[in-house]
N, C-alpha and C. Protein backbone atom coordinates (compact mmCIF):
# COMPACT_ATOMS: atom_id res chain seq x y z
N MET A 1 -47.56 55.61 -7.69
CA MET A 1 -46.67 56.03 -6.61
C MET A 1 -45.22 55.68 -6.91
N GLY A 2 -44.97 54.64 -7.69
CA GLY A 2 -43.61 54.31 -8.07
C GLY A 2 -42.91 53.37 -7.11
N THR A 3 -41.63 53.15 -7.38
CA THR A 3 -40.84 52.25 -6.55
C THR A 3 -39.75 53.04 -5.82
N VAL A 4 -39.26 52.43 -4.75
CA VAL A 4 -38.14 52.98 -3.99
C VAL A 4 -37.15 51.86 -3.75
N THR A 5 -35.90 52.22 -3.54
CA THR A 5 -34.87 51.25 -3.20
C THR A 5 -34.57 51.38 -1.73
N ILE A 6 -34.74 50.28 -1.02
CA ILE A 6 -34.54 50.28 0.43
C ILE A 6 -33.44 49.29 0.81
N GLY A 7 -32.96 49.42 2.03
CA GLY A 7 -32.02 48.49 2.62
C GLY A 7 -32.24 48.49 4.12
N VAL A 8 -31.85 47.40 4.76
CA VAL A 8 -31.95 47.30 6.22
C VAL A 8 -30.56 46.95 6.73
N SER A 9 -30.12 47.67 7.75
CA SER A 9 -28.77 47.42 8.25
C SER A 9 -28.61 47.83 9.70
N ILE A 10 -27.52 47.35 10.26
CA ILE A 10 -27.09 47.75 11.60
C ILE A 10 -26.05 48.84 11.40
N ALA A 11 -26.33 50.02 11.91
CA ALA A 11 -25.38 51.13 11.78
C ALA A 11 -24.18 50.89 12.68
N VAL A 12 -23.00 51.20 12.17
CA VAL A 12 -21.80 51.20 13.01
C VAL A 12 -21.81 52.54 13.73
N PRO A 13 -21.86 52.53 15.08
CA PRO A 13 -22.01 53.78 15.83
C PRO A 13 -20.76 54.65 15.81
N GLU A 14 -20.95 55.89 16.25
CA GLU A 14 -19.83 56.83 16.35
C GLU A 14 -18.98 56.45 17.56
N PRO A 15 -17.70 56.70 17.48
CA PRO A 15 -17.00 57.41 16.41
C PRO A 15 -16.60 56.51 15.24
N HIS A 16 -16.88 55.22 15.34
CA HIS A 16 -16.40 54.25 14.35
C HIS A 16 -17.01 54.45 12.97
N GLY A 17 -18.31 54.78 12.92
CA GLY A 17 -18.96 54.93 11.63
C GLY A 17 -18.29 56.00 10.77
N SER A 18 -18.09 57.17 11.34
CA SER A 18 -17.46 58.27 10.60
C SER A 18 -16.00 57.96 10.27
N LEU A 19 -15.30 57.35 11.23
CA LEU A 19 -13.90 57.03 11.01
C LEU A 19 -13.75 56.07 9.83
N LEU A 20 -14.53 55.00 9.81
CA LEU A 20 -14.43 54.03 8.71
C LEU A 20 -14.91 54.64 7.39
N GLN A 21 -15.91 55.52 7.46
CA GLN A 21 -16.38 56.18 6.25
C GLN A 21 -15.27 57.07 5.66
N GLU A 22 -14.57 57.81 6.53
CA GLU A 22 -13.47 58.66 6.07
C GLU A 22 -12.32 57.82 5.51
N ARG A 23 -12.02 56.70 6.16
CA ARG A 23 -10.98 55.82 5.64
C ARG A 23 -11.38 55.28 4.27
N ARG A 24 -12.65 54.89 4.12
CA ARG A 24 -13.14 54.38 2.84
C ARG A 24 -12.99 55.44 1.75
N ALA A 25 -13.34 56.68 2.07
CA ALA A 25 -13.16 57.77 1.11
C ALA A 25 -11.68 57.97 0.80
N GLY A 26 -10.84 57.85 1.82
CA GLY A 26 -9.39 58.01 1.63
C GLY A 26 -8.77 56.96 0.74
N PHE A 27 -9.40 55.80 0.67
CA PHE A 27 -8.91 54.74 -0.24
C PHE A 27 -9.38 54.99 -1.67
N GLY A 28 -10.21 56.02 -1.87
CA GLY A 28 -10.64 56.39 -3.20
C GLY A 28 -11.98 55.81 -3.62
N ASP A 29 -12.77 55.33 -2.65
CA ASP A 29 -14.08 54.76 -2.98
C ASP A 29 -15.08 55.90 -3.14
N PRO A 30 -15.57 56.15 -4.36
CA PRO A 30 -16.46 57.29 -4.59
C PRO A 30 -17.82 57.16 -3.90
N ALA A 31 -18.21 55.96 -3.49
CA ALA A 31 -19.49 55.77 -2.83
C ALA A 31 -19.43 56.01 -1.32
N ALA A 32 -18.24 56.25 -0.80
CA ALA A 32 -18.04 56.31 0.66
C ALA A 32 -18.99 57.26 1.37
N HIS A 33 -19.15 58.47 0.87
CA HIS A 33 -19.95 59.46 1.59
C HIS A 33 -21.45 59.31 1.35
N GLY A 34 -21.84 58.41 0.47
CA GLY A 34 -23.26 58.20 0.21
C GLY A 34 -23.83 56.99 0.92
N ILE A 35 -22.95 56.27 1.63
CA ILE A 35 -23.38 55.03 2.29
C ILE A 35 -22.95 55.09 3.75
N PRO A 36 -23.88 55.21 4.70
CA PRO A 36 -23.49 55.16 6.11
C PRO A 36 -22.81 53.81 6.41
N THR A 37 -21.83 53.84 7.29
CA THR A 37 -21.09 52.62 7.64
C THR A 37 -22.03 51.66 8.36
N HIS A 38 -22.06 50.41 7.89
CA HIS A 38 -23.10 49.49 8.36
C HIS A 38 -22.74 48.02 8.17
N VAL A 39 -23.56 47.17 8.78
CA VAL A 39 -23.59 45.73 8.52
C VAL A 39 -24.95 45.47 7.88
N THR A 40 -24.95 44.97 6.65
CA THR A 40 -26.19 44.76 5.90
C THR A 40 -27.02 43.61 6.46
N LEU A 41 -28.34 43.84 6.56
CA LEU A 41 -29.30 42.79 6.86
C LEU A 41 -30.18 42.51 5.63
N LEU A 42 -30.47 43.54 4.85
CA LEU A 42 -31.19 43.41 3.58
C LEU A 42 -30.47 44.29 2.57
N PRO A 43 -29.90 43.68 1.51
CA PRO A 43 -29.20 44.49 0.51
C PRO A 43 -30.18 45.37 -0.26
N PRO A 44 -29.67 46.30 -1.07
CA PRO A 44 -30.57 47.16 -1.84
C PRO A 44 -31.67 46.36 -2.53
N THR A 45 -32.91 46.75 -2.24
CA THR A 45 -34.08 46.02 -2.72
C THR A 45 -35.12 47.02 -3.20
N GLU A 46 -35.60 46.84 -4.42
CA GLU A 46 -36.62 47.73 -4.96
C GLU A 46 -38.00 47.23 -4.55
N VAL A 47 -38.80 48.14 -3.98
CA VAL A 47 -40.17 47.81 -3.58
C VAL A 47 -41.10 48.92 -4.05
N ASP A 48 -42.35 48.60 -4.15
CA ASP A 48 -43.36 49.61 -4.46
C ASP A 48 -43.45 50.55 -3.26
N ALA A 49 -43.46 51.84 -3.51
CA ALA A 49 -43.51 52.83 -2.42
C ALA A 49 -44.70 52.60 -1.51
N SER A 50 -45.81 52.12 -2.06
CA SER A 50 -46.99 51.88 -1.24
C SER A 50 -46.80 50.72 -0.27
N ALA A 51 -45.74 49.93 -0.46
CA ALA A 51 -45.47 48.79 0.43
C ALA A 51 -44.68 49.19 1.68
N LEU A 52 -44.20 50.44 1.75
CA LEU A 52 -43.37 50.84 2.90
C LEU A 52 -44.05 50.64 4.25
N PRO A 53 -45.35 50.96 4.42
CA PRO A 53 -45.96 50.70 5.73
C PRO A 53 -45.93 49.21 6.10
N ALA A 54 -46.13 48.32 5.13
CA ALA A 54 -46.06 46.88 5.41
C ALA A 54 -44.64 46.46 5.75
N VAL A 55 -43.66 47.05 5.07
CA VAL A 55 -42.25 46.76 5.36
C VAL A 55 -41.94 47.20 6.79
N GLU A 56 -42.36 48.41 7.15
CA GLU A 56 -42.09 48.89 8.51
C GLU A 56 -42.77 48.02 9.56
N ALA A 57 -44.01 47.61 9.33
CA ALA A 57 -44.71 46.74 10.28
C ALA A 57 -43.97 45.41 10.43
N HIS A 58 -43.48 44.88 9.33
CA HIS A 58 -42.70 43.63 9.36
C HIS A 58 -41.43 43.81 10.18
N LEU A 59 -40.73 44.93 9.97
CA LEU A 59 -39.49 45.17 10.70
C LEU A 59 -39.74 45.41 12.19
N VAL A 60 -40.88 46.01 12.53
CA VAL A 60 -41.25 46.15 13.94
C VAL A 60 -41.34 44.77 14.59
N SER A 61 -41.97 43.82 13.90
CA SER A 61 -42.12 42.48 14.47
C SER A 61 -40.78 41.75 14.55
N VAL A 62 -39.90 41.95 13.57
CA VAL A 62 -38.57 41.34 13.62
C VAL A 62 -37.80 41.91 14.82
N ALA A 63 -37.84 43.23 14.99
CA ALA A 63 -37.12 43.86 16.10
C ALA A 63 -37.70 43.42 17.45
N ALA A 64 -39.01 43.28 17.52
CA ALA A 64 -39.64 42.87 18.79
C ALA A 64 -39.15 41.50 19.23
N ALA A 65 -38.83 40.63 18.28
CA ALA A 65 -38.34 39.29 18.60
C ALA A 65 -36.84 39.26 18.90
N GLY A 66 -36.14 40.34 18.57
CA GLY A 66 -34.69 40.40 18.77
C GLY A 66 -34.31 40.85 20.16
N ARG A 67 -33.07 40.58 20.51
CA ARG A 67 -32.52 41.01 21.80
C ARG A 67 -31.15 41.64 21.56
N PRO A 68 -30.76 42.62 22.39
CA PRO A 68 -29.43 43.22 22.23
C PRO A 68 -28.34 42.15 22.28
N PHE A 69 -27.27 42.41 21.55
CA PHE A 69 -26.14 41.48 21.53
C PHE A 69 -24.85 42.26 21.32
N PRO A 70 -23.72 41.69 21.75
CA PRO A 70 -22.44 42.38 21.54
C PRO A 70 -21.97 42.25 20.09
N MET A 71 -21.53 43.36 19.53
CA MET A 71 -20.92 43.37 18.19
C MET A 71 -19.45 43.71 18.37
N ARG A 72 -18.63 42.98 17.65
CA ARG A 72 -17.19 43.30 17.67
C ARG A 72 -16.63 43.13 16.27
N LEU A 73 -15.88 44.14 15.85
CA LEU A 73 -15.18 44.12 14.58
C LEU A 73 -13.70 43.92 14.86
N SER A 74 -13.05 43.14 14.01
CA SER A 74 -11.61 42.93 14.18
C SER A 74 -10.98 42.48 12.88
N GLY A 75 -10.01 43.25 12.42
CA GLY A 75 -9.25 42.87 11.24
C GLY A 75 -10.02 42.99 9.95
N THR A 76 -9.37 42.59 8.87
CA THR A 76 -9.94 42.74 7.54
C THR A 76 -10.12 41.40 6.85
N GLY A 77 -10.92 41.42 5.80
CA GLY A 77 -11.15 40.27 4.93
C GLY A 77 -11.48 40.80 3.54
N THR A 78 -11.64 39.90 2.60
CA THR A 78 -11.98 40.32 1.24
C THR A 78 -12.83 39.25 0.57
N PHE A 79 -13.63 39.69 -0.38
CA PHE A 79 -14.41 38.77 -1.21
C PHE A 79 -13.74 38.59 -2.58
N ARG A 80 -12.58 39.21 -2.79
CA ARG A 80 -11.87 39.07 -4.06
C ARG A 80 -11.41 37.62 -4.23
N PRO A 81 -11.39 37.06 -5.39
CA PRO A 81 -11.69 37.66 -6.70
C PRO A 81 -13.17 37.59 -7.07
N LEU A 82 -14.01 36.97 -6.24
CA LEU A 82 -15.43 36.83 -6.58
C LEU A 82 -16.14 38.17 -6.67
N SER A 83 -15.83 39.07 -5.73
CA SER A 83 -16.44 40.40 -5.70
C SER A 83 -15.38 41.39 -5.23
N PRO A 84 -15.29 42.59 -5.84
CA PRO A 84 -14.23 43.55 -5.51
C PRO A 84 -14.51 44.32 -4.22
N VAL A 85 -14.42 43.60 -3.10
CA VAL A 85 -14.76 44.18 -1.79
C VAL A 85 -13.68 43.84 -0.77
N VAL A 86 -13.29 44.84 0.02
CA VAL A 86 -12.48 44.64 1.22
C VAL A 86 -13.36 45.08 2.38
N PHE A 87 -13.32 44.32 3.47
CA PHE A 87 -14.19 44.63 4.60
C PHE A 87 -13.49 44.45 5.92
N VAL A 88 -14.08 45.04 6.97
CA VAL A 88 -13.70 44.77 8.35
C VAL A 88 -14.60 43.63 8.81
N GLN A 89 -13.99 42.65 9.47
CA GLN A 89 -14.70 41.45 9.85
C GLN A 89 -15.57 41.64 11.10
N VAL A 90 -16.74 41.02 11.10
CA VAL A 90 -17.58 40.92 12.28
C VAL A 90 -17.16 39.63 12.98
N VAL A 91 -16.53 39.76 14.16
CA VAL A 91 -16.03 38.57 14.87
C VAL A 91 -16.89 38.20 16.07
N ALA A 92 -17.77 39.09 16.49
CA ALA A 92 -18.76 38.77 17.51
C ALA A 92 -20.07 39.41 17.06
N GLY A 93 -21.14 38.65 17.09
CA GLY A 93 -22.43 39.14 16.66
C GLY A 93 -22.84 38.61 15.29
N ALA A 94 -21.97 37.85 14.64
CA ALA A 94 -22.27 37.35 13.30
C ALA A 94 -23.49 36.43 13.28
N SER A 95 -23.61 35.55 14.26
CA SER A 95 -24.76 34.63 14.26
C SER A 95 -26.06 35.39 14.51
N ALA A 96 -26.02 36.44 15.34
CA ALA A 96 -27.21 37.25 15.56
C ALA A 96 -27.58 38.01 14.28
N CYS A 97 -26.58 38.52 13.55
CA CYS A 97 -26.84 39.19 12.27
C CYS A 97 -27.48 38.21 11.29
N SER A 98 -26.98 36.99 11.24
CA SER A 98 -27.53 35.98 10.33
C SER A 98 -28.99 35.68 10.69
N TRP A 99 -29.26 35.55 11.97
CA TRP A 99 -30.63 35.29 12.43
C TRP A 99 -31.55 36.43 12.00
N LEU A 100 -31.10 37.67 12.20
CA LEU A 100 -31.90 38.85 11.85
C LEU A 100 -32.17 38.92 10.35
N GLN A 101 -31.12 38.75 9.54
CA GLN A 101 -31.32 38.90 8.09
C GLN A 101 -32.25 37.83 7.54
N GLU A 102 -32.23 36.64 8.13
CA GLU A 102 -33.17 35.60 7.70
C GLU A 102 -34.61 36.02 7.97
N ARG A 103 -34.85 36.64 9.12
CA ARG A 103 -36.20 37.07 9.46
C ARG A 103 -36.63 38.29 8.64
N VAL A 104 -35.71 39.18 8.37
CA VAL A 104 -36.04 40.34 7.53
C VAL A 104 -36.48 39.87 6.15
N ARG A 105 -35.76 38.89 5.58
CA ARG A 105 -36.06 38.39 4.23
C ARG A 105 -37.04 37.21 4.22
N ASP A 106 -37.68 36.93 5.33
CA ASP A 106 -38.58 35.78 5.45
C ASP A 106 -39.56 35.70 4.27
N ALA A 107 -39.76 34.48 3.79
CA ALA A 107 -40.61 34.25 2.61
C ALA A 107 -42.03 34.76 2.80
N SER A 108 -42.51 34.85 4.03
CA SER A 108 -43.88 35.33 4.28
C SER A 108 -43.95 36.86 4.42
N GLY A 109 -42.79 37.52 4.39
CA GLY A 109 -42.76 38.97 4.59
C GLY A 109 -42.77 39.77 3.30
N PRO A 110 -42.84 41.10 3.42
CA PRO A 110 -42.94 41.98 2.25
C PRO A 110 -41.63 42.19 1.49
N VAL A 111 -40.50 41.74 2.04
CA VAL A 111 -39.22 41.91 1.35
C VAL A 111 -38.49 40.58 1.19
N ALA A 112 -39.27 39.52 0.94
CA ALA A 112 -38.68 38.20 0.69
C ALA A 112 -37.84 38.28 -0.57
N ARG A 113 -36.64 37.76 -0.48
CA ARG A 113 -35.78 37.75 -1.66
C ARG A 113 -34.62 36.79 -1.46
N GLU A 114 -34.08 36.31 -2.58
CA GLU A 114 -32.88 35.49 -2.57
C GLU A 114 -31.67 36.43 -2.61
N LEU A 115 -30.56 35.94 -2.10
CA LEU A 115 -29.33 36.72 -2.13
C LEU A 115 -28.45 36.28 -3.29
N GLN A 116 -27.68 37.21 -3.83
CA GLN A 116 -26.76 36.90 -4.92
C GLN A 116 -25.60 36.03 -4.42
N PHE A 117 -25.17 36.26 -3.16
CA PHE A 117 -24.09 35.50 -2.54
C PHE A 117 -24.56 35.03 -1.17
N PRO A 118 -23.97 33.96 -0.61
CA PRO A 118 -24.33 33.55 0.75
C PRO A 118 -24.09 34.71 1.73
N TYR A 119 -24.95 34.82 2.75
CA TYR A 119 -24.85 35.92 3.70
C TYR A 119 -23.58 35.80 4.53
N HIS A 120 -22.86 36.91 4.63
CA HIS A 120 -21.62 37.00 5.41
C HIS A 120 -21.56 38.39 6.02
N PRO A 121 -21.92 38.56 7.29
CA PRO A 121 -21.93 39.90 7.88
C PRO A 121 -20.53 40.52 7.86
N HIS A 122 -20.46 41.79 7.48
CA HIS A 122 -19.18 42.50 7.37
C HIS A 122 -19.44 44.00 7.25
N VAL A 123 -18.37 44.78 7.33
CA VAL A 123 -18.44 46.23 7.14
C VAL A 123 -17.53 46.57 5.97
N THR A 124 -18.11 46.95 4.84
CA THR A 124 -17.34 47.28 3.65
C THR A 124 -16.50 48.54 3.88
N VAL A 125 -15.21 48.45 3.50
CA VAL A 125 -14.33 49.62 3.59
C VAL A 125 -13.71 49.97 2.24
N ALA A 126 -13.94 49.15 1.23
CA ALA A 126 -13.49 49.45 -0.13
C ALA A 126 -14.31 48.58 -1.08
N HIS A 127 -14.80 49.20 -2.16
CA HIS A 127 -15.61 48.45 -3.11
C HIS A 127 -15.38 48.99 -4.52
N GLY A 128 -14.97 48.12 -5.42
CA GLY A 128 -14.87 48.48 -6.83
C GLY A 128 -13.83 49.52 -7.15
N ILE A 129 -12.76 49.58 -6.37
CA ILE A 129 -11.69 50.54 -6.65
C ILE A 129 -10.47 49.77 -7.16
N SER A 130 -9.37 50.46 -7.40
CA SER A 130 -8.18 49.79 -7.95
C SER A 130 -7.68 48.70 -7.00
N GLU A 131 -7.03 47.71 -7.57
CA GLU A 131 -6.47 46.61 -6.77
C GLU A 131 -5.47 47.16 -5.75
N GLU A 132 -4.68 48.14 -6.15
CA GLU A 132 -3.68 48.72 -5.24
C GLU A 132 -4.36 49.37 -4.04
N ALA A 133 -5.44 50.12 -4.29
CA ALA A 133 -6.16 50.77 -3.20
C ALA A 133 -6.86 49.74 -2.32
N MET A 134 -7.37 48.66 -2.93
CA MET A 134 -8.00 47.60 -2.14
C MET A 134 -6.95 46.93 -1.25
N ASP A 135 -5.75 46.69 -1.79
CA ASP A 135 -4.68 46.10 -0.99
C ASP A 135 -4.33 47.02 0.18
N ARG A 136 -4.29 48.33 -0.09
CA ARG A 136 -3.97 49.29 0.97
C ARG A 136 -5.03 49.26 2.07
N ALA A 137 -6.30 49.20 1.69
CA ALA A 137 -7.38 49.13 2.68
C ALA A 137 -7.24 47.86 3.52
N TYR A 138 -6.97 46.76 2.86
CA TYR A 138 -6.81 45.47 3.55
C TYR A 138 -5.67 45.53 4.57
N GLU A 139 -4.56 46.13 4.16
CA GLU A 139 -3.39 46.20 5.04
C GLU A 139 -3.54 47.24 6.15
N GLU A 140 -4.02 48.43 5.81
CA GLU A 140 -4.06 49.51 6.79
C GLU A 140 -5.10 49.30 7.88
N LEU A 141 -6.14 48.52 7.60
CA LEU A 141 -7.17 48.27 8.62
C LEU A 141 -7.06 46.88 9.23
N ALA A 142 -5.96 46.19 8.96
CA ALA A 142 -5.79 44.81 9.44
C ALA A 142 -5.82 44.70 10.97
N GLU A 143 -5.44 45.75 11.65
CA GLU A 143 -5.42 45.74 13.13
C GLU A 143 -6.62 46.47 13.73
N TYR A 144 -7.56 46.87 12.90
CA TYR A 144 -8.71 47.64 13.38
C TYR A 144 -9.55 46.81 14.35
N GLU A 145 -10.00 47.45 15.43
CA GLU A 145 -10.85 46.81 16.44
C GLU A 145 -11.93 47.79 16.86
N ALA A 146 -13.15 47.31 17.04
CA ALA A 146 -14.24 48.13 17.59
C ALA A 146 -15.27 47.19 18.19
N GLU A 147 -15.95 47.67 19.21
CA GLU A 147 -17.04 46.88 19.79
C GLU A 147 -18.09 47.80 20.36
N TRP A 148 -19.33 47.28 20.38
CA TRP A 148 -20.45 48.05 20.92
C TRP A 148 -21.62 47.10 21.16
N PRO A 149 -22.56 47.49 22.01
CA PRO A 149 -23.76 46.69 22.19
C PRO A 149 -24.76 47.04 21.08
N CYS A 150 -25.15 46.06 20.29
CA CYS A 150 -26.12 46.29 19.22
C CYS A 150 -27.52 46.20 19.82
N THR A 151 -28.28 47.28 19.69
CA THR A 151 -29.61 47.34 20.30
C THR A 151 -30.74 47.44 19.27
N GLY A 152 -30.40 47.35 17.98
CA GLY A 152 -31.43 47.41 16.96
C GLY A 152 -30.84 47.58 15.58
N PHE A 153 -31.68 47.94 14.64
CA PHE A 153 -31.27 48.13 13.25
C PHE A 153 -32.12 49.23 12.64
N ALA A 154 -31.87 49.55 11.38
CA ALA A 154 -32.58 50.67 10.75
C ALA A 154 -32.96 50.34 9.31
N LEU A 155 -34.00 51.05 8.85
CA LEU A 155 -34.45 51.00 7.46
C LEU A 155 -33.92 52.23 6.76
N TYR A 156 -33.32 52.03 5.59
CA TYR A 156 -32.76 53.12 4.79
C TYR A 156 -33.41 53.15 3.42
N GLU A 157 -33.41 54.33 2.80
CA GLU A 157 -33.87 54.49 1.43
C GLU A 157 -32.79 55.20 0.63
N GLN A 158 -32.55 54.71 -0.58
CA GLN A 158 -31.58 55.36 -1.45
C GLN A 158 -32.29 56.44 -2.26
N GLY A 159 -31.79 57.66 -2.17
CA GLY A 159 -32.38 58.77 -2.90
C GLY A 159 -31.99 58.75 -4.37
N ALA A 160 -32.64 59.59 -5.15
CA ALA A 160 -32.33 59.72 -6.58
C ALA A 160 -30.89 60.18 -6.78
N ASP A 161 -30.31 60.81 -5.75
CA ASP A 161 -28.92 61.27 -5.81
C ASP A 161 -27.92 60.18 -5.44
N GLY A 162 -28.43 58.96 -5.15
CA GLY A 162 -27.55 57.85 -4.79
C GLY A 162 -27.20 57.78 -3.31
N ILE A 163 -27.63 58.77 -2.52
CA ILE A 163 -27.33 58.83 -1.09
C ILE A 163 -28.34 57.98 -0.32
N TRP A 164 -27.82 57.18 0.62
CA TRP A 164 -28.69 56.37 1.50
C TRP A 164 -29.04 57.19 2.73
N ARG A 165 -30.36 57.26 3.05
CA ARG A 165 -30.83 58.03 4.21
C ARG A 165 -31.69 57.14 5.10
N LYS A 166 -31.48 57.31 6.40
CA LYS A 166 -32.24 56.52 7.37
C LYS A 166 -33.69 56.98 7.39
N LEU A 167 -34.62 56.01 7.32
CA LEU A 167 -36.04 56.31 7.44
C LEU A 167 -36.52 56.10 8.87
N ARG A 168 -36.00 55.04 9.51
CA ARG A 168 -36.51 54.71 10.84
C ARG A 168 -35.60 53.70 11.54
N ASP A 169 -35.48 53.85 12.86
CA ASP A 169 -34.78 52.88 13.71
C ASP A 169 -35.77 51.86 14.26
N PHE A 170 -35.30 50.65 14.48
CA PHE A 170 -36.10 49.58 15.09
C PHE A 170 -35.30 49.03 16.25
N VAL A 171 -35.83 49.17 17.46
CA VAL A 171 -35.12 48.77 18.68
C VAL A 171 -35.56 47.36 19.08
N PHE A 172 -34.59 46.54 19.45
CA PHE A 172 -34.89 45.18 19.87
C PHE A 172 -35.82 45.16 21.08
N GLY A 173 -36.70 44.18 21.12
CA GLY A 173 -37.64 44.04 22.21
C GLY A 173 -38.87 44.90 22.06
N GLY A 174 -38.90 45.72 21.01
CA GLY A 174 -40.07 46.54 20.73
C GLY A 174 -40.26 47.72 21.66
N THR A 175 -39.23 48.07 22.42
CA THR A 175 -39.35 49.22 23.31
C THR A 175 -38.44 50.34 22.84
N VAL A 176 -38.80 51.55 23.18
CA VAL A 176 -37.96 52.70 22.87
C VAL A 176 -37.04 52.93 24.05
N VAL A 177 -35.75 53.04 23.78
CA VAL A 177 -34.76 53.23 24.83
C VAL A 177 -34.40 54.71 24.89
N PRO A 178 -34.72 55.39 26.01
CA PRO A 178 -34.35 56.80 26.10
C PRO A 178 -32.83 56.96 26.10
N PRO A 179 -32.31 58.08 25.57
CA PRO A 179 -30.86 58.27 25.46
C PRO A 179 -30.11 58.04 26.76
N GLN A 180 -30.66 58.48 27.89
CA GLN A 180 -29.95 58.34 29.16
C GLN A 180 -29.86 56.89 29.63
N ALA A 181 -30.68 56.00 29.06
CA ALA A 181 -30.67 54.59 29.47
C ALA A 181 -29.98 53.69 28.45
N GLN A 182 -29.39 54.30 27.41
CA GLN A 182 -28.76 53.49 26.38
C GLN A 182 -27.50 52.84 26.91
N ALA A 183 -27.10 51.78 26.20
CA ALA A 183 -25.93 51.00 26.58
C ALA A 183 -24.67 51.87 26.51
N PRO A 184 -23.58 51.37 27.11
CA PRO A 184 -22.32 52.13 27.09
C PRO A 184 -21.88 52.44 25.66
N ALA A 185 -21.10 53.48 25.55
CA ALA A 185 -20.61 53.91 24.23
C ALA A 185 -19.73 52.86 23.60
N ALA A 186 -19.64 52.93 22.29
CA ALA A 186 -18.79 52.03 21.53
C ALA A 186 -17.32 52.33 21.85
N ARG A 187 -16.49 51.28 21.76
CA ARG A 187 -15.05 51.44 21.98
C ARG A 187 -14.33 50.85 20.78
N GLY A 188 -13.15 51.38 20.52
CA GLY A 188 -12.39 50.81 19.43
C GLY A 188 -11.03 51.44 19.29
N THR A 189 -10.22 50.82 18.43
CA THR A 189 -8.89 51.34 18.16
C THR A 189 -8.61 51.25 16.68
N LEU A 190 -7.82 52.16 16.22
CA LEU A 190 -7.38 52.15 14.84
C LEU A 190 -5.87 52.26 14.87
N PRO A 191 -5.17 51.36 14.18
CA PRO A 191 -3.72 51.46 14.18
C PRO A 191 -3.25 52.74 13.51
N ALA A 192 -2.08 53.20 13.89
CA ALA A 192 -1.50 54.40 13.27
C ALA A 192 -1.27 54.12 11.79
N ARG A 193 -1.43 55.16 10.99
CA ARG A 193 -1.22 55.01 9.54
C ARG A 193 0.24 54.93 9.21
């Protein structure tokens, strides 16, 4: 059956997801349109395709134990010089993201793994591009603000074309929330260019 590359993340909702994706593309990041805007809970991880049902069952149990929480993004940060990344900072919801990612990667689960770097929730807006473009991303999004109620996370698979596609959503508390009962829409601001 082969292997697949999966990831687990919290999607940045609209209109923020598309806006940040377009800004990332505008900074010259060639991966921008292949990666939905997100906060990572499980980085790209190769698993046997036959393990996907076990992965999904594990994520159902993680989501069932979770509860909605407020997410807020504000300003920029960078992992340079250690890693060529500029990001928008998670200033509310970071501890909940840390709790979730620990459970997703739990040693008893199907996607147990060590991380290359200590976990730091963030939204990447530039990766592996020129220093000048990274500086521009850092400066132009320094005043960026967005907030929304986080009600779950999703499982993604990277296709052979390099594009990440959502396989399934996992809602906190283990219940399905009908669209008319969902939390208020996300709010945010982007400074003028």
